[in-house]
Amino acid sequence: FHVKSECFEVDNAEGDFDYTPTEPDLQPFYQEINGKLKVLIYNGDTDPAITSFAAQNWTSHLGFDEDQHWRPWTVDGCQRMGGFVTRYKGMFDFVTIRGAGHMVPTYKPAATFAFRKA
C-alpha cells in the first residue's frame, strides 16, 4: 500500500527546479490513518527536488510522539551506513537513504531493500 504525500508539476526548462504542488495538503489523512496502517515516509538525502530536510520538517509537524529519536541505520546491520530513521508512535517512520537522489531505488537498490527493516 503506497500513498504519496504531494504531487508536483515540474518546470525545468531553465534548469531551475520550480515545483508547483498539484494536490491538497494530506497531513489530516496521515493523522487519521496513523496506528491503523504502517506508514513509511522516505527520502534520499541528496534529492535536490524534495529535500530530506523538507520531508523531515513535514513529518515532524504531524504532531506524533517519537518512539525513537533520529538515529543512524545500517544496510548490513553493522557497518554500511544506510541513512537515518525517526520512529513515531502509531507505526509511522521517517527514513533517509544516504547518497540517494529523488529516485531512491535507482540510486541505492541495496539500501532500498534493507531500509524496510531499519
N, C-alpha and C. Protein backbone atom coordinates (compact mmCIF):
# COMPACT_ATOMS: atom_id res chain seq x y z
N PHE A 1 0.84 -1.16 0.00
CA PHE A 1 0.00 0.00 0.00
C PHE A 1 0.89 1.23 0.00
N HIS A 2 0.77 2.07 -0.99
CA HIS A 2 1.60 3.27 -1.11
C HIS A 2 0.72 4.51 -1.17
N VAL A 3 1.14 5.54 -0.48
CA VAL A 3 0.45 6.83 -0.54
C VAL A 3 1.51 7.89 -0.75
N LYS A 4 1.31 8.72 -1.73
CA LYS A 4 2.25 9.80 -1.99
C LYS A 4 1.77 11.06 -1.29
N SER A 5 2.69 11.77 -0.62
CA SER A 5 2.27 12.91 0.19
C SER A 5 1.99 14.16 -0.63
N GLU A 6 2.70 14.36 -1.71
CA GLU A 6 2.47 15.52 -2.56
C GLU A 6 2.80 15.15 -4.00
N CYS A 7 2.12 15.77 -4.93
CA CYS A 7 2.45 15.62 -6.34
C CYS A 7 2.91 16.98 -6.84
N PHE A 8 3.75 16.96 -7.80
CA PHE A 8 4.32 18.20 -8.29
C PHE A 8 4.31 18.26 -9.80
N GLU A 9 4.16 19.45 -10.33
CA GLU A 9 4.42 19.72 -11.73
C GLU A 9 5.80 20.35 -11.78
N VAL A 10 6.60 19.92 -12.73
CA VAL A 10 7.97 20.41 -12.80
C VAL A 10 8.14 21.26 -14.04
N ASP A 11 8.70 22.44 -13.84
CA ASP A 11 9.08 23.30 -14.96
C ASP A 11 10.57 23.48 -14.85
N ASN A 12 11.31 22.71 -15.62
CA ASN A 12 12.76 22.75 -15.54
C ASN A 12 13.37 23.21 -16.86
N ALA A 13 12.62 23.96 -17.66
CA ALA A 13 13.13 24.42 -18.95
C ALA A 13 14.35 25.31 -18.79
N GLU A 14 14.39 26.09 -17.71
CA GLU A 14 15.50 27.00 -17.47
C GLU A 14 16.60 26.36 -16.63
N GLY A 15 16.42 25.12 -16.23
CA GLY A 15 17.41 24.46 -15.39
C GLY A 15 17.23 24.74 -13.91
N ASP A 16 16.19 25.48 -13.55
CA ASP A 16 15.90 25.71 -12.13
C ASP A 16 14.79 24.76 -11.71
N PHE A 17 14.83 24.33 -10.48
CA PHE A 17 13.82 23.39 -10.00
C PHE A 17 12.63 24.16 -9.47
N ASP A 18 11.63 24.38 -10.31
CA ASP A 18 10.43 25.11 -9.93
C ASP A 18 9.28 24.11 -9.81
N TYR A 19 8.93 23.75 -8.58
CA TYR A 19 7.90 22.75 -8.33
C TYR A 19 6.63 23.44 -7.86
N THR A 20 5.52 23.03 -8.43
CA THR A 20 4.22 23.58 -8.04
C THR A 20 3.36 22.44 -7.51
N PRO A 21 2.94 22.51 -6.24
CA PRO A 21 2.08 21.45 -5.70
C PRO A 21 0.76 21.38 -6.48
N THR A 22 0.33 20.17 -6.78
CA THR A 22 -0.92 19.96 -7.50
C THR A 22 -1.97 19.25 -6.65
N GLU A 23 -1.59 18.84 -5.45
CA GLU A 23 -2.50 18.11 -4.57
C GLU A 23 -2.70 18.88 -3.28
N PRO A 24 -3.85 18.70 -2.62
CA PRO A 24 -4.08 19.37 -1.34
C PRO A 24 -3.19 18.79 -0.25
N ASP A 25 -3.13 19.47 0.85
CA ASP A 25 -2.37 19.01 2.00
C ASP A 25 -2.96 17.70 2.52
N LEU A 26 -2.13 16.68 2.62
CA LEU A 26 -2.61 15.38 3.09
C LEU A 26 -2.27 15.09 4.54
N GLN A 27 -1.81 16.10 5.28
CA GLN A 27 -1.50 15.86 6.68
C GLN A 27 -2.68 15.30 7.47
N PRO A 28 -3.91 15.82 7.29
CA PRO A 28 -5.04 15.23 8.03
C PRO A 28 -5.25 13.75 7.71
N PHE A 29 -5.01 13.35 6.47
CA PHE A 29 -5.13 11.94 6.09
C PHE A 29 -4.14 11.09 6.87
N TYR A 30 -2.87 11.51 6.91
CA TYR A 30 -1.86 10.74 7.64
C TYR A 30 -2.16 10.70 9.13
N GLN A 31 -2.67 11.79 9.67
CA GLN A 31 -3.03 11.81 11.08
C GLN A 31 -4.17 10.83 11.37
N GLU A 32 -5.09 10.70 10.45
CA GLU A 32 -6.23 9.79 10.62
C GLU A 32 -5.81 8.33 10.53
N ILE A 33 -4.90 7.98 9.64
CA ILE A 33 -4.54 6.57 9.45
C ILE A 33 -3.43 6.11 10.38
N ASN A 34 -2.75 7.04 11.07
CA ASN A 34 -1.67 6.63 11.96
C ASN A 34 -2.20 5.67 13.02
N GLY A 35 -1.54 4.54 13.14
CA GLY A 35 -1.97 3.50 14.07
C GLY A 35 -2.85 2.46 13.42
N LYS A 36 -3.40 2.77 12.25
CA LYS A 36 -4.25 1.82 11.52
C LYS A 36 -3.47 1.13 10.40
N LEU A 37 -2.54 1.86 9.81
CA LEU A 37 -1.68 1.34 8.75
C LEU A 37 -0.24 1.67 9.07
N LYS A 38 0.67 0.81 8.67
CA LYS A 38 2.09 1.10 8.82
C LYS A 38 2.48 2.06 7.70
N VAL A 39 3.09 3.20 8.06
CA VAL A 39 3.45 4.22 7.09
C VAL A 39 4.95 4.47 7.16
N LEU A 40 5.57 4.52 5.99
CA LEU A 40 6.99 4.83 5.87
C LEU A 40 7.15 5.98 4.88
N ILE A 41 7.66 7.09 5.36
CA ILE A 41 7.99 8.23 4.51
C ILE A 41 9.50 8.17 4.34
N TYR A 42 9.98 8.15 3.11
CA TYR A 42 11.43 8.07 2.91
C TYR A 42 11.89 9.08 1.89
N ASN A 43 13.16 9.44 2.01
CA ASN A 43 13.77 10.44 1.16
C ASN A 43 15.24 10.13 0.95
N GLY A 44 15.72 10.32 -0.27
CA GLY A 44 17.16 10.32 -0.50
C GLY A 44 17.73 11.61 0.06
N ASP A 45 18.90 11.53 0.70
CA ASP A 45 19.43 12.75 1.32
C ASP A 45 20.18 13.66 0.34
N THR A 46 20.24 13.26 -0.93
CA THR A 46 20.83 14.15 -1.95
C THR A 46 19.79 14.58 -2.98
N ASP A 47 18.53 14.42 -2.68
CA ASP A 47 17.44 14.80 -3.58
C ASP A 47 17.34 16.33 -3.62
N PRO A 48 17.61 16.95 -4.78
CA PRO A 48 17.53 18.41 -4.86
C PRO A 48 16.10 18.92 -5.02
N ALA A 49 15.18 18.03 -5.35
CA ALA A 49 13.80 18.43 -5.63
C ALA A 49 12.99 18.51 -4.35
N ILE A 50 12.87 17.40 -3.65
CA ILE A 50 12.16 17.34 -2.37
C ILE A 50 13.21 16.93 -1.35
N THR A 51 13.80 17.90 -0.68
CA THR A 51 14.93 17.62 0.20
C THR A 51 14.50 16.81 1.42
N SER A 52 15.47 16.08 1.97
CA SER A 52 15.18 15.32 3.18
C SER A 52 14.85 16.26 4.34
N PHE A 53 15.40 17.48 4.31
CA PHE A 53 15.07 18.46 5.35
C PHE A 53 13.60 18.86 5.28
N ALA A 54 13.10 19.07 4.07
CA ALA A 54 11.68 19.42 3.90
C ALA A 54 10.78 18.27 4.33
N ALA A 55 11.14 17.04 3.95
CA ALA A 55 10.32 15.88 4.32
C ALA A 55 10.36 15.64 5.83
N GLN A 56 11.52 15.81 6.43
CA GLN A 56 11.64 15.65 7.88
C GLN A 56 10.81 16.71 8.60
N ASN A 57 10.86 17.94 8.11
CA ASN A 57 10.06 19.02 8.69
C ASN A 57 8.57 18.69 8.59
N TRP A 58 8.15 18.19 7.42
CA TRP A 58 6.75 17.83 7.21
C TRP A 58 6.31 16.76 8.19
N THR A 59 7.09 15.68 8.32
CA THR A 59 6.70 14.59 9.21
C THR A 59 6.71 15.02 10.67
N SER A 60 7.68 15.86 11.05
CA SER A 60 7.75 16.27 12.45
C SER A 60 6.58 17.17 12.84
N HIS A 61 5.96 17.81 11.86
CA HIS A 61 4.83 18.69 12.14
C HIS A 61 3.47 17.98 12.10
N LEU A 62 3.48 16.66 11.96
CA LEU A 62 2.23 15.91 12.03
C LEU A 62 1.72 15.80 13.48
N GLY A 63 2.60 16.04 14.43
CA GLY A 63 2.20 16.02 15.83
C GLY A 63 2.29 14.67 16.51
N PHE A 64 2.97 13.69 15.91
CA PHE A 64 3.10 12.38 16.52
C PHE A 64 4.25 12.39 17.53
N ASP A 65 4.08 11.66 18.63
CA ASP A 65 5.16 11.50 19.61
C ASP A 65 6.20 10.54 19.04
N GLU A 66 7.47 10.82 19.33
CA GLU A 66 8.56 9.96 18.86
C GLU A 66 8.69 8.72 19.74
N ASP A 67 8.88 7.57 19.09
CA ASP A 67 9.25 6.34 19.78
C ASP A 67 10.77 6.25 19.86
N GLN A 68 11.41 6.56 18.72
CA GLN A 68 12.88 6.55 18.64
C GLN A 68 13.31 7.82 17.93
N HIS A 69 14.17 8.58 18.59
CA HIS A 69 14.67 9.82 18.02
C HIS A 69 15.62 9.51 16.85
N TRP A 70 15.82 10.48 15.99
CA TRP A 70 16.72 10.45 14.83
C TRP A 70 17.96 9.63 15.15
N ARG A 71 18.15 8.52 14.46
CA ARG A 71 19.30 7.65 14.71
C ARG A 71 19.77 7.05 13.40
N PRO A 72 21.05 6.67 13.32
CA PRO A 72 21.53 6.03 12.09
C PRO A 72 20.99 4.60 11.97
N TRP A 73 20.90 4.14 10.72
CA TRP A 73 20.60 2.74 10.47
C TRP A 73 21.61 2.25 9.44
N THR A 74 21.87 0.96 9.43
CA THR A 74 22.87 0.39 8.53
C THR A 74 22.23 -0.60 7.58
N VAL A 75 22.85 -0.72 6.41
CA VAL A 75 22.36 -1.64 5.38
C VAL A 75 22.59 -3.08 5.81
N ASP A 76 23.73 -3.33 6.46
CA ASP A 76 24.10 -4.69 6.82
C ASP A 76 23.92 -5.00 8.31
N GLY A 77 23.26 -4.11 9.04
CA GLY A 77 23.07 -4.32 10.47
C GLY A 77 24.32 -4.07 11.29
N CYS A 78 25.35 -3.52 10.65
CA CYS A 78 26.61 -3.34 11.37
C CYS A 78 27.36 -2.08 10.94
N GLN A 79 27.94 -2.08 9.71
CA GLN A 79 28.88 -1.03 9.33
C GLN A 79 28.47 -0.17 8.14
N ARG A 80 27.74 -0.70 7.19
CA ARG A 80 27.42 0.05 5.96
C ARG A 80 26.27 1.01 6.22
N MET A 81 26.61 2.29 6.32
CA MET A 81 25.62 3.33 6.64
C MET A 81 24.52 3.35 5.60
N GLY A 82 23.25 3.31 6.08
CA GLY A 82 22.11 3.37 5.19
C GLY A 82 21.46 4.73 5.18
N GLY A 83 21.48 5.40 6.33
CA GLY A 83 20.85 6.71 6.47
C GLY A 83 20.45 6.92 7.91
N PHE A 84 19.32 7.61 8.10
CA PHE A 84 18.81 7.90 9.44
C PHE A 84 17.32 7.59 9.49
N VAL A 85 16.84 7.29 10.68
CA VAL A 85 15.42 6.99 10.87
C VAL A 85 14.91 7.65 12.14
N THR A 86 13.68 8.15 12.07
CA THR A 86 12.93 8.58 13.25
C THR A 86 11.66 7.76 13.26
N ARG A 87 11.40 7.11 14.40
CA ARG A 87 10.18 6.31 14.56
C ARG A 87 9.20 7.06 15.44
N TYR A 88 7.96 7.10 14.97
CA TYR A 88 6.90 7.77 15.72
C TYR A 88 5.91 6.74 16.24
N LYS A 89 5.22 7.07 17.30
CA LYS A 89 4.18 6.18 17.84
C LYS A 89 3.08 6.01 16.79
N GLY A 90 2.57 4.80 16.69
CA GLY A 90 1.49 4.53 15.75
C GLY A 90 1.93 3.96 14.43
N MET A 91 3.12 3.32 14.36
CA MET A 91 3.59 2.67 13.12
C MET A 91 3.90 3.68 12.01
N PHE A 92 4.55 4.77 12.34
CA PHE A 92 4.87 5.81 11.37
C PHE A 92 6.37 6.08 11.47
N ASP A 93 7.09 5.89 10.35
CA ASP A 93 8.54 6.09 10.32
C ASP A 93 8.94 7.09 9.24
N PHE A 94 9.99 7.84 9.54
CA PHE A 94 10.63 8.70 8.54
C PHE A 94 12.07 8.21 8.38
N VAL A 95 12.46 7.89 7.14
CA VAL A 95 13.77 7.32 6.86
C VAL A 95 14.46 8.13 5.77
N THR A 96 15.76 8.39 5.98
CA THR A 96 16.57 8.95 4.90
C THR A 96 17.50 7.86 4.39
N ILE A 97 17.82 7.94 3.09
CA ILE A 97 18.73 6.99 2.48
C ILE A 97 19.95 7.76 2.02
N ARG A 98 21.07 7.47 2.65
CA ARG A 98 22.31 8.20 2.41
C ARG A 98 22.78 8.05 0.98
N GLY A 99 23.03 9.19 0.33
CA GLY A 99 23.59 9.20 -1.01
C GLY A 99 22.59 8.97 -2.13
N ALA A 100 21.31 8.88 -1.81
CA ALA A 100 20.28 8.64 -2.84
C ALA A 100 19.66 9.96 -3.27
N GLY A 101 19.36 10.05 -4.55
CA GLY A 101 18.64 11.19 -5.09
C GLY A 101 17.15 10.94 -5.08
N HIS A 102 16.44 11.61 -5.96
CA HIS A 102 14.98 11.56 -5.99
C HIS A 102 14.44 10.15 -6.25
N MET A 103 15.08 9.41 -7.11
CA MET A 103 14.64 8.04 -7.43
C MET A 103 15.46 7.06 -6.58
N VAL A 104 15.10 6.96 -5.31
CA VAL A 104 15.88 6.22 -4.33
C VAL A 104 16.24 4.80 -4.78
N PRO A 105 15.30 3.98 -5.27
CA PRO A 105 15.67 2.62 -5.66
C PRO A 105 16.68 2.56 -6.80
N THR A 106 16.68 3.57 -7.66
CA THR A 106 17.64 3.61 -8.76
C THR A 106 19.05 3.88 -8.24
N TYR A 107 19.16 4.81 -7.30
CA TYR A 107 20.47 5.20 -6.78
C TYR A 107 21.02 4.22 -5.76
N LYS A 108 20.16 3.68 -4.91
CA LYS A 108 20.60 2.82 -3.79
C LYS A 108 19.71 1.59 -3.65
N PRO A 109 19.79 0.64 -4.59
CA PRO A 109 18.89 -0.52 -4.51
C PRO A 109 19.09 -1.38 -3.26
N ALA A 110 20.34 -1.59 -2.83
CA ALA A 110 20.56 -2.42 -1.64
C ALA A 110 19.99 -1.75 -0.39
N ALA A 111 20.20 -0.45 -0.27
CA ALA A 111 19.67 0.29 0.89
C ALA A 111 18.14 0.33 0.84
N THR A 112 17.58 0.46 -0.37
CA THR A 112 16.12 0.46 -0.52
C THR A 112 15.53 -0.83 0.00
N PHE A 113 16.16 -1.94 -0.31
CA PHE A 113 15.68 -3.23 0.16
C PHE A 113 15.86 -3.35 1.67
N ALA A 114 17.00 -2.87 2.17
CA ALA A 114 17.32 -3.02 3.59
C ALA A 114 16.53 -2.10 4.50
N PHE A 115 16.13 -0.93 4.03
CA PHE A 115 15.51 0.03 4.96
C PHE A 115 14.14 -0.40 5.45
N ARG A 116 13.55 -1.38 4.81
CA ARG A 116 12.28 -1.90 5.31
C ARG A 116 12.44 -2.44 6.73
N LYS A 117 13.65 -2.84 7.07
CA LYS A 117 13.91 -3.42 8.38
C LYS A 117 14.65 -2.46 9.30
N ALA A 118 14.84 -1.21 8.89
CA ALA A 118 15.69 -0.25 9.62
C ALA A 118 15.28 -0.07 11.05
